[in-house]
Each structure stands twice: as structure tokens, then as C-alpha cells.
């Protein structure tokens, strides 16, 4: 499967940024471009074996409807909100620590 990174500009025109990428290359490129612009960035995919196409969304799901990759404004806001300290977050972290902490990520091949 090949992936393309596209951007919708302020006029609503779709612009192909890079094509023929692997999934990891497309994710890297989409994050890089979305971090530098306020325009919407998407990852599109196509599969020649059955002529299917769709989008790779930021949550990792493939879909026929695309969701834009987070822009620099959204990323900055999420980062700022994540840095806020509260007693509720501290309590939750202590409870998770008692249970062994964050689960190990499992990579499927």
C-alpha cells in the first residue's frame, strides 16, 4: 500500500505534498507539515490489488473519511493542557504506579 500526504489550502484546494510513501514515512511527513501550517493535512492511501482508497487518520485507523492531522495550534494547546498539574492527575498517577505503571506497548507484525 502506498501513502500520499495532501494539504487543503486556505482556498479549499487540495495539494499533493508527497506521494509513494510508506506508512511511517507518511506519518512523519504529515506531522512535520501539520506542525508548520494552519492548513489541513491528510494522509491518503491506495491499494492497487483491489483499487481501494481511503485515509490514514491520526488515531491510527484507516477510514474512507479523513480526519486532518493536528495543526501547530492544536498541538500547542494540547501540550499546554497536558502540562497542567492537578491533585486529581497526581492521585491517578500514584494509583497507576501501584498497579505496575503504564502497560508495555505491544507491537504486532
PDB file of N, CA and C in Angstrom:
ATOM      1  N   UNK A   1       0.847  -1.171   0.000  1.00  0.00           N
ATOM      2  CA  UNK A   1       0.000   0.000   0.000  1.00  0.00           C
ATOM      3  C   UNK A   1       0.895   1.237   0.000  1.00  0.00           C
ATOM      4  N   UNK A   2       0.540   2.204  -0.800  1.00  0.00           N
ATOM      5  CA  UNK A   2       1.286   3.454  -0.888  1.00  0.00           C
ATOM      6  C   UNK A   2       0.471   4.585  -0.283  1.00  0.00           C
ATOM      7  N   UNK A   3       1.161   5.539   0.322  1.00  0.00           N
ATOM      8  CA  UNK A   3       0.517   6.649   1.012  1.00  0.00           C
ATOM      9  C   UNK A   3       0.933   7.975   0.389  1.00  0.00           C
ATOM     10  N   UNK A   4      -0.011   8.916   0.357  1.00  0.00           N
ATOM     11  CA  UNK A   4       0.238  10.274  -0.124  1.00  0.00           C
ATOM     12  C   UNK A   4      -0.123  11.258   0.977  1.00  0.00           C
ATOM     13  N   UNK A   5       0.677  12.294   1.130  1.00  0.00           N
ATOM     14  CA  UNK A   5       0.372  13.366   2.077  1.00  0.00           C
ATOM     15  C   UNK A   5      -0.176  14.530   1.268  1.00  0.00           C
ATOM     16  N   UNK A   6      -1.375  14.975   1.632  1.00  0.00           N
ATOM     17  CA  UNK A   6      -2.014  16.090   0.937  1.00  0.00           C
ATOM     18  C   UNK A   6      -2.374  17.191   1.932  1.00  0.00           C
ATOM     19  N   UNK A   7      -2.544  18.390   1.407  1.00  0.00           N
ATOM     20  CA  UNK A   7      -2.902  19.524   2.256  1.00  0.00           C
ATOM     21  C   UNK A   7      -4.017  20.306   1.573  1.00  0.00           C
ATOM     22  N   UNK A   8      -5.001  20.705   2.352  1.00  0.00           N
ATOM     23  CA  UNK A   8      -6.072  21.572   1.860  1.00  0.00           C
ATOM     24  C   UNK A   8      -5.687  23.003   2.215  1.00  0.00           C
ATOM     25  N   UNK A   9      -5.513  23.838   1.201  1.00  0.00           N
ATOM     26  CA  UNK A   9      -5.089  25.209   1.480  1.00  0.00           C
ATOM     27  C   UNK A   9      -6.258  26.097   1.889  1.00  0.00           C
ATOM     28  N   UNK A  10      -5.967  27.356   2.132  1.00  0.00           N
ATOM     29  CA  UNK A  10      -6.988  28.291   2.629  1.00  0.00           C
ATOM     30  C   UNK A  10      -8.107  28.540   1.620  1.00  0.00           C
ATOM     31  N   UNK A  11      -7.900  28.160   0.354  1.00  0.00           N
ATOM     32  CA  UNK A  11      -8.919  28.325  -0.676  1.00  0.00           C
ATOM     33  C   UNK A  11      -9.733  27.056  -0.889  1.00  0.00           C
ATOM     34  N   UNK A  12      -9.410  25.996  -0.144  1.00  0.00           N
ATOM     35  CA  UNK A  12     -10.116  24.728  -0.274  1.00  0.00           C
ATOM     36  C   UNK A  12      -9.559  23.819  -1.349  1.00  0.00           C
ATOM     37  N   UNK A  13      -8.422  24.202  -1.927  1.00  0.00           N
ATOM     38  CA  UNK A  13      -7.795  23.381  -2.966  1.00  0.00           C
ATOM     39  C   UNK A  13      -6.916  22.312  -2.328  1.00  0.00           C
ATOM     40  N   UNK A  14      -6.972  21.109  -2.892  1.00  0.00           N
ATOM     41  CA  UNK A  14      -6.153  20.004  -2.393  1.00  0.00           C
ATOM     42  C   UNK A  14      -4.814  20.006  -3.129  1.00  0.00           C
ATOM     43  N   UNK A  15      -3.728  19.960  -2.360  1.00  0.00           N
ATOM     44  CA  UNK A  15      -2.388  19.972  -2.930  1.00  0.00           C
ATOM     45  C   UNK A  15      -1.639  18.723  -2.493  1.00  0.00           C
ATOM     46  N   UNK A  16      -1.088  17.989  -3.451  1.00  0.00           N
ATOM     47  CA  UNK A  16      -0.290  16.813  -3.145  1.00  0.00           C
ATOM     48  C   UNK A  16       1.077  17.275  -2.677  1.00  0.00           C
ATOM     49  N   UNK A  17       1.461  16.857  -1.483  1.00  0.00           N
ATOM     50  CA  UNK A  17       2.755  17.256  -0.927  1.00  0.00           C
ATOM     51  C   UNK A  17       3.818  16.212  -1.261  1.00  0.00           C
ATOM     52  N   UNK A  18       3.551  14.952  -0.916  1.00  0.00           N
ATOM     53  CA  UNK A  18       4.470  13.852  -1.230  1.00  0.00           C
ATOM     54  C   UNK A  18       3.659  12.620  -1.541  1.00  0.00           C
ATOM     55  N   UNK A  19       4.170  11.794  -2.456  1.00  0.00           N
ATOM     56  CA  UNK A  19       3.442  10.581  -2.831  1.00  0.00           C
ATOM     57  C   UNK A  19       4.366   9.369  -2.817  1.00  0.00           C
ATOM     58  N   UNK A  20       3.750   8.187  -2.803  1.00  0.00           N
ATOM     59  CA  UNK A  20       4.501   6.944  -2.861  1.00  0.00           C
ATOM     60  C   UNK A  20       5.269   6.618  -1.599  1.00  0.00           C
ATOM     61  N   UNK A  21       4.760   7.060  -0.457  1.00  0.00           N
ATOM     62  CA  UNK A  21       5.459   6.868   0.812  1.00  0.00           C
ATOM     63  C   UNK A  21       5.018   5.586   1.515  1.00  0.00           C
ATOM     64  N   UNK A  22       5.861   5.103   2.419  1.00  0.00           N
ATOM     65  CA  UNK A  22       5.449   4.037   3.320  1.00  0.00           C
ATOM     66  C   UNK A  22       4.591   4.667   4.412  1.00  0.00           C
ATOM     67  N   UNK A  23       3.953   3.838   5.225  1.00  0.00           N
ATOM     68  CA  UNK A  23       3.106   4.360   6.293  1.00  0.00           C
ATOM     69  C   UNK A  23       3.900   5.221   7.267  1.00  0.00           C
ATOM     70  N   UNK A  24       5.063   4.740   7.705  1.00  0.00           N
ATOM     71  CA  UNK A  24       5.842   5.512   8.679  1.00  0.00           C
ATOM     72  C   UNK A  24       6.378   6.806   8.073  1.00  0.00           C
ATOM     73  N   UNK A  25       6.779   6.765   6.800  1.00  0.00           N
ATOM     74  CA  UNK A  25       7.237   7.991   6.140  1.00  0.00           C
ATOM     75  C   UNK A  25       6.102   9.009   6.040  1.00  0.00           C
ATOM     76  N   UNK A  26       4.903   8.528   5.714  1.00  0.00           N
ATOM     77  CA  UNK A  26       3.747   9.420   5.583  1.00  0.00           C
ATOM     78  C   UNK A  26       3.391  10.059   6.921  1.00  0.00           C
ATOM     79  N   UNK A  27       3.419   9.272   8.004  1.00  0.00           N
ATOM     80  CA  UNK A  27       3.125   9.824   9.329  1.00  0.00           C
ATOM     81  C   UNK A  27       4.135  10.899   9.709  1.00  0.00           C
ATOM     82  N   UNK A  28       5.404  10.620   9.471  1.00  0.00           N
ATOM     83  CA  UNK A  28       6.459  11.594   9.788  1.00  0.00           C
ATOM     84  C   UNK A  28       6.258  12.876   8.997  1.00  0.00           C
ATOM     85  N   UNK A  29       6.000  12.734   7.712  1.00  0.00           N
ATOM     86  CA  UNK A  29       5.810  13.903   6.843  1.00  0.00           C
ATOM     87  C   UNK A  29       4.565  14.694   7.246  1.00  0.00           C
ATOM     88  N   UNK A  30       3.465  14.007   7.551  1.00  0.00           N
ATOM     89  CA  UNK A  30       2.221  14.687   7.939  1.00  0.00           C
ATOM     90  C   UNK A  30       2.413  15.467   9.235  1.00  0.00           C
ATOM     91  N   UNK A  31       3.089  14.853  10.206  1.00  0.00           N
ATOM     92  CA  UNK A  31       3.341  15.560  11.476  1.00  0.00           C
ATOM     93  C   UNK A  31       4.202  16.791  11.256  1.00  0.00           C
ATOM     94  N   UNK A  32       5.234  16.633  10.418  1.00  0.00           N
ATOM     95  CA  UNK A  32       6.154  17.738  10.151  1.00  0.00           C
ATOM     96  C   UNK A  32       5.412  18.900   9.483  1.00  0.00           C
ATOM     97  N   UNK A  33       4.634  18.593   8.469  1.00  0.00           N
ATOM     98  CA  UNK A  33       3.920  19.648   7.736  1.00  0.00           C
ATOM     99  C   UNK A  33       2.813  20.259   8.593  1.00  0.00           C
ATOM    100  N   UNK A  34       2.051  19.423   9.289  1.00  0.00           N
ATOM    101  CA  UNK A  34       0.965  19.942  10.135  1.00  0.00           C
ATOM    102  C   UNK A  34       1.506  20.845  11.235  1.00  0.00           C
ATOM    103  N   UNK A  35       2.714  20.571  11.702  1.00  0.00           N
ATOM    104  CA  UNK A  35       3.322  21.397  12.742  1.00  0.00           C
ATOM    105  C   UNK A  35       3.762  22.758  12.261  1.00  0.00           C
ATOM    106  N   UNK A  36       3.823  22.933  10.944  1.00  0.00           N
ATOM    107  CA  UNK A  36       4.297  24.197  10.378  1.00  0.00           C
ATOM    108  C   UNK A  36       3.195  25.031   9.739  1.00  0.00           C
ATOM    109  N   UNK A  37       1.989  24.490   9.634  1.00  0.00           N
ATOM    110  CA  UNK A  37       0.941  25.199   8.903  1.00  0.00           C
ATOM    111  C   UNK A  37      -0.375  25.172   9.667  1.00  0.00           C
ATOM    112  N   UNK A  38      -1.258  26.055   9.284  1.00  0.00           N
ATOM    113  CA  UNK A  38      -2.611  26.058   9.838  1.00  0.00           C
ATOM    114  C   UNK A  38      -3.579  25.337   8.900  1.00  0.00           C
ATOM    115  N   UNK A  39      -3.102  24.945   7.724  1.00  0.00           N
ATOM    116  CA  UNK A  39      -3.938  24.236   6.757  1.00  0.00           C
ATOM    117  C   UNK A  39      -4.141  22.789   7.188  1.00  0.00           C
ATOM    118  N   UNK A  40      -5.179  22.154   6.645  1.00  0.00           N
ATOM    119  CA  UNK A  40      -5.478  20.769   6.992  1.00  0.00           C
ATOM    120  C   UNK A  40      -4.589  19.827   6.200  1.00  0.00           C
ATOM    121  N   UNK A  41      -3.989  18.858   6.918  1.00  0.00           N
ATOM    122  CA  UNK A  41      -3.093  17.882   6.319  1.00  0.00           C
ATOM    123  C   UNK A  41      -3.713  16.495   6.468  1.00  0.00           C
ATOM    124  N   UNK A  42      -3.712  15.723   5.380  1.00  0.00           N
ATOM    125  CA  UNK A  42      -4.294  14.381   5.373  1.00  0.00           C
ATOM    126  C   UNK A  42      -3.297  13.376   4.816  1.00  0.00           C
ATOM    127  N   UNK A  43      -3.463  12.112   5.218  1.00  0.00           N
ATOM    128  CA  UNK A  43      -2.721  11.019   4.600  1.00  0.00           C
ATOM    129  C   UNK A  43      -3.735  10.154   3.863  1.00  0.00           C
ATOM    130  N   UNK A  44      -3.550  10.045   2.563  1.00  0.00           N
ATOM    131  CA  UNK A  44      -4.418   9.209   1.732  1.00  0.00           C
ATOM    132  C   UNK A  44      -3.650   7.940   1.366  1.00  0.00           C
ATOM    133  N   UNK A  45      -4.370   6.842   1.196  1.00  0.00           N
ATOM    134  CA  UNK A  45      -3.726   5.601   0.764  1.00  0.00           C
ATOM    135  C   UNK A  45      -4.511   4.996  -0.385  1.00  0.00           C
ATOM    136  N   UNK A  46      -3.822   4.187  -1.147  1.00  0.00           N
ATOM    137  CA  UNK A  46      -4.472   3.453  -2.237  1.00  0.00           C
ATOM    138  C   UNK A  46      -3.838   2.069  -2.318  1.00  0.00           C
ATOM    139  N   UNK A  47      -4.677   1.108  -2.649  1.00  0.00           N
ATOM    140  CA  UNK A  47      -4.227  -0.280  -2.756  1.00  0.00           C
ATOM    141  C   UNK A  47      -4.571  -0.755  -4.159  1.00  0.00           C
ATOM    142  N   UNK A  48      -3.556  -1.030  -4.940  1.00  0.00           N
ATOM    143  CA  UNK A  48      -3.780  -1.375  -6.349  1.00  0.00           C
ATOM    144  C   UNK A  48      -4.409  -2.755  -6.533  1.00  0.00           C
ATOM    145  N   UNK A  49      -4.238  -3.667  -5.573  1.00  0.00           N
ATOM    146  CA  UNK A  49      -4.760  -5.023  -5.746  1.00  0.00           C
ATOM    147  C   UNK A  49      -6.279  -5.055  -5.881  1.00  0.00           C
ATOM    148  N   UNK A  50      -6.990  -4.178  -5.184  1.00  0.00           N
ATOM    149  CA  UNK A  50      -8.453  -4.158  -5.274  1.00  0.00           C
ATOM    150  C   UNK A  50      -9.008  -2.757  -5.538  1.00  0.00           C
ATOM    151  N   UNK A  51      -8.109  -1.834  -5.878  1.00  0.00           N
ATOM    152  CA  UNK A  51      -8.496  -0.468  -6.228  1.00  0.00           C
ATOM    153  C   UNK A  51      -9.169   0.292  -5.089  1.00  0.00           C
ATOM    154  N   UNK A  52      -8.892  -0.083  -3.865  1.00  0.00           N
ATOM    155  CA  UNK A  52      -9.471   0.644  -2.725  1.00  0.00           C
ATOM    156  C   UNK A  52      -8.603   1.847  -2.384  1.00  0.00           C
ATOM    157  N   UNK A  53      -9.242   2.855  -1.798  1.00  0.00           N
ATOM    158  CA  UNK A  53      -8.510   4.020  -1.314  1.00  0.00           C
ATOM    159  C   UNK A  53      -9.236   4.584  -0.091  1.00  0.00           C
ATOM    160  N   UNK A  54      -8.497   5.322   0.710  1.00  0.00           N
ATOM    161  CA  UNK A  54      -9.064   5.905   1.919  1.00  0.00           C
ATOM    162  C   UNK A  54      -8.033   6.789   2.597  1.00  0.00           C
ATOM    163  N   UNK A  55      -8.206   6.954   3.894  1.00  0.00           N
ATOM    164  CA  UNK A  55      -7.349   7.846   4.671  1.00  0.00           C
ATOM    165  C   UNK A  55      -6.768   7.114   5.877  1.00  0.00           C
ATOM    166  N   UNK A  56      -5.548   7.489   6.234  1.00  0.00           N
ATOM    167  CA  UNK A  56      -4.944   7.056   7.490  1.00  0.00           C
ATOM    168  C   UNK A  56      -5.116   8.225   8.447  1.00  0.00           C
ATOM    169  N   UNK A  57      -5.907   8.029   9.484  1.00  0.00           N
ATOM    170  CA  UNK A  57      -6.218   9.114  10.414  1.00  0.00           C
ATOM    171  C   UNK A  57      -5.206   9.177  11.554  1.00  0.00           C
ATOM    172  N   UNK A  58      -5.131  10.310  12.241  1.00  0.00           N
ATOM    173  CA  UNK A  58      -4.148  10.482  13.322  1.00  0.00           C
ATOM    174  C   UNK A  58      -4.274   9.452  14.444  1.00  0.00           C
ATOM    175  N   UNK A  59      -5.478   8.906  14.647  1.00  0.00           N
ATOM    176  CA  UNK A  59      -5.651   7.900  15.702  1.00  0.00           C
ATOM    177  C   UNK A  59      -5.164   6.519  15.259  1.00  0.00           C
ATOM    178  N   UNK A  60      -4.641   6.413  14.016  1.00  0.00           N
ATOM    179  CA  UNK A  60      -4.104   5.161  13.516  1.00  0.00           C
ATOM    180  C   UNK A  60      -5.088   4.313  12.735  1.00  0.00           C
ATOM    181  N   UNK A  61      -6.346   4.732  12.701  1.00  0.00           N
ATOM    182  CA  UNK A  61      -7.366   3.975  11.978  1.00  0.00           C
ATOM    183  C   UNK A  61      -7.393   4.349  10.510  1.00  0.00           C
ATOM    184  N   UNK A  62      -7.661   3.356   9.679  1.00  0.00           N
ATOM    185  CA  UNK A  62      -7.885   3.582   8.257  1.00  0.00           C
ATOM    186  C   UNK A  62      -9.381   3.779   8.055  1.00  0.00           C
ATOM    187  N   UNK A  63      -9.747   4.732   7.210  1.00  0.00           N
ATOM    188  CA  UNK A  63     -11.147   5.064   7.039  1.00  0.00           C
ATOM    189  C   UNK A  63     -11.390   5.615   5.636  1.00  0.00           C
ATOM    190  N   UNK A  64     -12.645   5.560   5.199  1.00  0.00           N
ATOM    191  CA  UNK A  64     -12.983   6.189   3.923  1.00  0.00           C
ATOM    192  C   UNK A  64     -13.215   7.688   4.097  1.00  0.00           C
ATOM    193  N   UNK A  65     -13.338   8.128   5.352  1.00  0.00           N
ATOM    194  CA  UNK A  65     -13.437   9.564   5.642  1.00  0.00           C
ATOM    195  C   UNK A  65     -12.174   9.982   6.385  1.00  0.00           C
ATOM    196  N   UNK A  66     -11.571  11.061   5.937  1.00  0.00           N
ATOM    197  CA  UNK A  66     -10.313  11.502   6.530  1.00  0.00           C
ATOM    198  C   UNK A  66     -10.503  12.520   7.629  1.00  0.00           C
ATOM    199  N   UNK A  67      -9.609  12.452   8.603  1.00  0.00           N
ATOM    200  CA  UNK A  67      -9.537  13.463   9.660  1.00  0.00           C
ATOM    201  C   UNK A  67      -8.191  14.155   9.531  1.00  0.00           C
ATOM    202  N   UNK A  68      -8.158  15.477   9.635  1.00  0.00           N
ATOM    203  CA  UNK A  68      -6.886  16.186   9.472  1.00  0.00           C
ATOM    204  C   UNK A  68      -5.920  15.889  10.612  1.00  0.00           C
ATOM    205  N   UNK A  69      -4.638  15.873  10.272  1.00  0.00           N
ATOM    206  CA  UNK A  69      -3.603  15.709  11.285  1.00  0.00           C
ATOM    207  C   UNK A  69      -3.504  17.018  12.062  1.00  0.00           C
ATOM    208  N   UNK A  70      -3.229  16.946  13.371  1.00  0.00           N
ATOM    209  CA  UNK A  70      -3.259  18.151  14.215  1.00  0.00           C
ATOM    210  C   UNK A  70      -2.320  19.248  13.728  1.00  0.00           C
ATOM    211  N   UNK A  71      -2.850  20.467  13.696  1.00  0.00           N
ATOM    212  CA  UNK A  71      -2.054  21.620  13.277  1.00  0.00           C
ATOM    213  C   UNK A  71      -1.200  22.098  14.443  1.00  0.00           C
ATOM    214  N   UNK A  72      -0.332  23.057  14.166  1.00  0.00           N
ATOM    215  CA  UNK A  72       0.558  23.567  15.206  1.00  0.00           C
ATOM    216  C   UNK A  72      -0.246  24.197  16.343  1.00  0.00           C
ATOM    217  N   UNK A  73      -1.399  24.819  16.034  1.00  0.00           N
ATOM    218  CA  UNK A  73      -2.207  25.441  17.083  1.00  0.00           C
ATOM    219  C   UNK A  73      -2.804  24.390  18.014  1.00  0.00           C
ATOM    220  N   UNK A  74      -3.328  23.312  17.432  1.00  0.00           N
ATOM    221  CA  UNK A  74      -3.921  22.252  18.247  1.00  0.00           C
ATOM    222  C   UNK A  74      -2.851  21.555  19.067  1.00  0.00           C
ATOM    223  N   UNK A  75      -1.705  21.290  18.462  1.00  0.00           N
ATOM    224  CA  UNK A  75      -0.614  20.626  19.167  1.00  0.00           C
ATOM    225  C   UNK A  75      -0.129  21.465  20.349  1.00  0.00           C
ATOM    226  N   UNK A  76      -0.020  22.772  20.125  1.00  0.00           N
ATOM    227  CA  UNK A  76       0.433  23.654  21.201  1.00  0.00           C
ATOM    228  C   UNK A  76      -0.585  23.695  22.339  1.00  0.00           C
ATOM    229  N   UNK A  77      -1.870  23.733  21.990  1.00  0.00           N
ATOM    230  CA  UNK A  77      -2.913  23.757  23.020  1.00  0.00           C
ATOM    231  C   UNK A  77      -2.928  22.451  23.810  1.00  0.00           C
ATOM    232  N   UNK A  78      -2.810  21.323  23.112  1.00  0.00           N
ATOM    233  CA  UNK A  78      -2.803  20.025  23.792  1.00  0.00           C
ATOM    234  C   UNK A  78      -1.592  19.897  24.703  1.00  0.00           C
ATOM    235  N   UNK A  79      -0.464  20.394  24.244  1.00  0.00           N
ATOM    236  CA  UNK A  79       0.750  20.351  25.046  1.00  0.00           C
ATOM    237  C   UNK A  79       0.590  21.189  26.315  1.00  0.00           C
ATOM    238  N   UNK A  80       0.035  22.379  26.165  1.00  0.00           N
ATOM    239  CA  UNK A  80      -0.165  23.254  27.321  1.00  0.00           C
ATOM    240  C   UNK A  80      -1.131  22.635  28.322  1.00  0.00           C
ATOM    241  N   UNK A  81      -2.218  22.041  27.821  1.00  0.00           N
ATOM    242  CA  UNK A  81      -3.184  21.414  28.714  1.00  0.00           C
ATOM    243  C   UNK A  81      -2.586  20.199  29.432  1.00  0.00           C
ATOM    244  N   UNK A  82      -1.746  19.469  28.746  1.00  0.00           N
ATOM    245  CA  UNK A  82      -1.123  18.287  29.348  1.00  0.00           C
ATOM    246  C   UNK A  82      -0.135  18.628  30.443  1.00  0.00           C
ATOM    247  N   UNK A  83       0.381  19.838  30.418  1.00  0.00           N
ATOM    248  CA  UNK A  83       1.364  20.254  31.429  1.00  0.00           C
ATOM    249  C   UNK A  83       0.716  20.780  32.708  1.00  0.00           C
ATOM    250  N   UNK A  84      -0.591  20.968  32.686  1.00  0.00           N
ATOM    251  CA  UNK A  84      -1.285  21.468  33.872  1.00  0.00           C
ATOM    252  C   UNK A  84      -1.240  20.397  34.957  1.00  0.00           C
ATOM    253  N   UNK A  85      -0.847  20.796  36.141  1.00  0.00           N
ATOM    254  CA  UNK A  85      -0.772  19.858  37.257  1.00  0.00           C
ATOM    255  C   UNK A  85      -2.017  19.990  38.107  1.00  0.00           C
ATOM    256  N   UNK A  86      -2.505  18.850  38.584  1.00  0.00           N
ATOM    257  CA  UNK A  86      -3.659  18.875  39.473  1.00  0.00           C
ATOM    258  C   UNK A  86      -3.550  17.714  40.446  1.00  0.00           C
ATOM    259  N   UNK A  87      -4.247  17.822  41.538  1.00  0.00           N
ATOM    260  CA  UNK A  87      -4.246  16.756  42.529  1.00  0.00           C
ATOM    261  C   UNK A  87      -4.897  15.497  41.956  1.00  0.00           C
ATOM    262  N   UNK A  88      -5.908  15.673  41.121  1.00  0.00           N
ATOM    263  CA  UNK A  88      -6.586  14.527  40.518  1.00  0.00           C
ATOM    264  C   UNK A  88      -5.625  13.731  39.627  1.00  0.00           C
ATOM    265  N   UNK A  89      -4.809  14.438  38.810  1.00  0.00           N
ATOM    266  CA  UNK A  89      -3.839  13.754  37.965  1.00  0.00           C
ATOM    267  C   UNK A  89      -2.764  13.071  38.800  1.00  0.00           C
ATOM    268  N   UNK A  90      -2.322  13.722  39.863  1.00  0.00           N
ATOM    269  CA  UNK A  90      -1.293  13.144  40.727  1.00  0.00           C
ATOM    270  C   UNK A  90      -1.813  11.884  41.412  1.00  0.00           C
ATOM    271  N   UNK A  91      -3.058  11.910  41.864  1.00  0.00           N
ATOM    272  CA  UNK A  91      -3.668  10.743  42.501  1.00  0.00           C
ATOM    273  C   UNK A  91      -3.784   9.589  41.513  1.00  0.00           C
ATOM    274  N   UNK A  92      -4.221   9.886  40.302  1.00  0.00           N
ATOM    275  CA  UNK A  92      -4.355   8.850  39.276  1.00  0.00           C
ATOM    276  C   UNK A  92      -2.991   8.240  38.952  1.00  0.00           C
ATOM    277  N   UNK A  93      -1.955   9.065  38.874  1.00  0.00           N
ATOM    278  CA  UNK A  93      -0.605   8.561  38.589  1.00  0.00           C
ATOM    279  C   UNK A  93      -0.109   7.651  39.705  1.00  0.00           C
ATOM    280  N   UNK A  94      -0.382   8.032  40.958  1.00  0.00           N
ATOM    281  CA  UNK A  94       0.023   7.178  42.094  1.00  0.00           C
ATOM    282  C   UNK A  94      -0.694   5.831  42.053  1.00  0.00           C
ATOM    283  N   UNK A  95      -1.990   5.856  41.749  1.00  0.00           N
ATOM    284  CA  UNK A  95      -2.769   4.610  41.667  1.00  0.00           C
ATOM    285  C   UNK A  95      -2.254   3.711  40.538  1.00  0.00           C
ATOM    286  N   UNK A  96      -1.963   4.312  39.406  1.00  0.00           N
ATOM    287  CA  UNK A  96      -1.420   3.524  38.292  1.00  0.00           C
ATOM    288  C   UNK A  96      -0.053   2.943  38.643  1.00  0.00           C
ATOM    289  N   UNK A  97       0.742   3.701  39.388  1.00  0.00           N
ATOM    290  CA  UNK A  97       2.052   3.218  39.822  1.00  0.00           C
ATOM    291  C   UNK A  97       1.940   2.003  40.721  1.00  0.00           C
ATOM    292  N   UNK A  98       0.942   1.987  41.568  1.00  0.00           N
ATOM    293  CA  UNK A  98       0.719   0.837  42.460  1.00  0.00           C
ATOM    294  C   UNK A  98       0.368  -0.415  41.665  1.00  0.00           C
ATOM    295  N   UNK A  99      -0.238  -0.216  40.494  1.00  0.00           N
ATOM    296  CA  UNK A  99      -0.650  -1.347  39.652  1.00  0.00           C
ATOM    297  C   UNK A  99       0.452  -1.764  38.676  1.00  0.00           C
ATOM    298  N   UNK A 100       1.615  -1.159  38.784  1.00  0.00           N
ATOM    299  CA  UNK A 100       2.719  -1.528  37.895  1.00  0.00           C
ATOM    300  C   UNK A 100       3.032  -0.495  36.834  1.00  0.00           C
ATOM    301  N   UNK A 101       2.340   0.619  36.844  1.00  0.00           N
ATOM    302  CA  UNK A 101       2.630   1.698  35.889  1.00  0.00           C
ATOM    303  C   UNK A 101       1.992   1.499  34.533  1.00  0.00           C
ATOM    304  N   UNK A 102       2.493   2.217  33.595  1.00  0.00           N
ATOM    305  CA  UNK A 102       1.957   2.171  32.227  1.00  0.00           C
ATOM    306  C   UNK A 102       2.231   0.794  31.624  1.00  0.00           C
ATOM    307  N   UNK A 103       1.212   0.224  30.980  1.00  0.00           N
ATOM    308  CA  UNK A 103       1.429  -1.098  30.347  1.00  0.00           C
ATOM    309  C   UNK A 103       2.455  -1.007  29.228  1.00  0.00           C
ATOM    310  N   UNK A 104       3.169  -2.086  29.013  1.00  0.00           N
ATOM    311  CA  UNK A 104       4.126  -2.151  27.909  1.00  0.00           C
ATOM    312  C   UNK A 104       3.364  -2.127  26.595  1.00  0.00           C
ATOM    313  N   UNK A 105       3.895  -1.408  25.618  1.00  0.00           N
ATOM    314  CA  UNK A 105       3.230  -1.396  24.318  1.00  0.00           C
ATOM    315  C   UNK A 105       3.572  -2.687  23.572  1.00  0.00           C
ATOM    316  N   UNK A 106       2.582  -3.209  22.890  1.00  0.00           N
ATOM    317  CA  UNK A 106       2.750  -4.436  22.142  1.00  0.00           C
ATOM    318  C   UNK A 106       2.761  -4.098  20.669  1.00  0.00           C
ATOM    319  N   UNK A 107       3.814  -4.505  19.978  1.00  0.00           N
ATOM    320  CA  UNK A 107       3.902  -4.245  18.548  1.00  0.00           C
ATOM    321  C   UNK A 107       3.572  -5.521  17.804  1.00  0.00           C
ATOM    322  N   UNK A 108       2.540  -5.430  16.965  1.00  0.00           N
ATOM    323  CA  UNK A 108       2.141  -6.566  16.163  1.00  0.00           C
ATOM    324  C   UNK A 108       2.824  -6.509  14.811  1.00  0.00           C
ATOM    325  N   UNK A 109       3.174  -7.674  14.302  1.00  0.00           N
ATOM    326  CA  UNK A 109       3.856  -7.700  12.998  1.00  0.00           C
ATOM    327  C   UNK A 109       3.061  -8.472  11.987  1.00  0.00           C
TER     328      UNK A 109
END
